[in-house]
């Protein structure tokens, strides 16, 4: 189970997003199921990330700001997410 929780703050602090991955059962005996589950979670998060980047662009956020938030260069962010 993958759960994404958004915690809104009334201050000027950024929104805190928490991602929780729940694994049930004896995951050590079936590591391939864990790998599959984590891979599906990553794909889900990637879609959410892409959607968030496109939303940020529509709101006027620069590629430099997006790159900084992602920990990559503005060029790398543009190459990965640009639909222009």
Protein backbone atom coordinates (compact mmCIF):
# COMPACT_ATOMS: atom_id res chain seq x y z
CA UNK A 1 0.00 0.00 0.00
CA UNK A 2 1.31 3.42 -0.94
CA UNK A 3 -0.17 6.44 0.81
CA UNK A 4 0.56 10.08 0.09
CA UNK A 5 -0.52 12.52 2.79
CA UNK A 6 -0.38 16.30 2.44
CA UNK A 7 -0.09 18.31 5.64
CA UNK A 8 -1.12 21.92 5.19
CA UNK A 9 0.51 24.50 7.38
CA UNK A 10 -1.01 27.89 8.12
CA UNK A 11 2.41 29.54 8.32
CA UNK A 12 4.62 30.47 5.39
CA UNK A 13 6.38 27.10 5.67
CA UNK A 14 6.23 24.80 2.64
CA UNK A 15 3.56 22.13 2.53
CA UNK A 16 4.83 18.91 4.04
CA UNK A 17 4.11 15.79 1.99
CA UNK A 18 4.52 12.41 3.61
CA UNK A 19 4.82 9.20 1.60
CA UNK A 20 4.19 5.94 3.41
CA UNK A 21 4.86 2.50 2.01
CA UNK A 22 3.14 -0.30 3.90
CA UNK A 23 4.32 -3.87 3.50
CA UNK A 24 2.23 -6.62 5.02
CA UNK A 25 3.22 -10.17 5.71
CA UNK A 26 6.68 -11.68 5.88
CA UNK A 27 8.34 -9.57 3.21
CA UNK A 28 11.72 -11.17 3.82
CA UNK A 29 10.45 -14.49 2.47
CA UNK A 30 9.08 -12.90 -0.73
CA UNK A 31 11.46 -10.11 -1.73
CA UNK A 32 10.24 -10.08 -5.35
CA UNK A 33 6.79 -8.99 -4.15
CA UNK A 34 8.44 -6.15 -2.25
CA UNK A 35 10.46 -5.13 -5.32
CA UNK A 36 7.29 -5.17 -7.44
CA UNK A 37 5.39 -3.13 -4.88
CA UNK A 38 8.12 -0.55 -4.53
CA UNK A 39 8.41 -0.27 -8.32
CA UNK A 40 4.66 0.35 -8.61
CA UNK A 41 4.93 2.98 -5.87
CA UNK A 42 7.78 4.73 -7.66
CA UNK A 43 5.74 4.82 -10.89
CA UNK A 44 2.80 6.28 -9.00
CA UNK A 45 4.99 8.92 -7.37
CA UNK A 46 6.61 9.74 -10.71
CA UNK A 47 3.18 10.56 -12.15
CA UNK A 48 2.39 12.75 -9.15
CA UNK A 49 5.76 14.48 -9.49
CA UNK A 50 5.20 15.13 -13.20
CA UNK A 51 1.75 16.53 -12.51
CA UNK A 52 3.17 18.77 -9.77
CA UNK A 53 5.92 20.08 -12.05
CA UNK A 54 3.40 20.91 -14.79
CA UNK A 55 1.19 22.65 -12.22
CA UNK A 56 4.16 24.66 -10.97
CA UNK A 57 4.99 25.74 -14.53
CA UNK A 58 1.38 26.82 -15.13
CA UNK A 59 1.70 28.91 -11.96
CA UNK A 60 4.79 30.64 -13.32
CA UNK A 61 7.50 28.77 -11.40
CA UNK A 62 10.80 28.85 -13.30
CA UNK A 63 12.76 25.83 -14.44
CA UNK A 64 15.59 26.99 -12.18
CA UNK A 65 13.27 26.89 -9.14
CA UNK A 66 11.92 23.48 -10.13
CA UNK A 67 15.44 22.16 -10.69
CA UNK A 68 16.49 23.41 -7.26
CA UNK A 69 13.50 21.68 -5.63
CA UNK A 70 14.41 18.44 -7.44
CA UNK A 71 18.11 18.73 -6.65
CA UNK A 72 19.03 18.89 -10.34
CA UNK A 73 19.92 21.62 -12.83
CA UNK A 74 17.24 23.70 -14.54
CA UNK A 75 18.31 22.13 -17.85
CA UNK A 76 17.89 18.59 -16.48
CA UNK A 77 14.46 19.52 -15.09
CA UNK A 78 13.43 20.98 -18.45
CA UNK A 79 14.69 17.93 -20.34
CA UNK A 80 12.76 15.57 -18.09
CA UNK A 81 9.48 17.43 -17.71
CA UNK A 82 9.13 19.93 -20.56
CA UNK A 83 6.12 19.59 -22.80
CA UNK A 84 6.87 22.89 -24.53
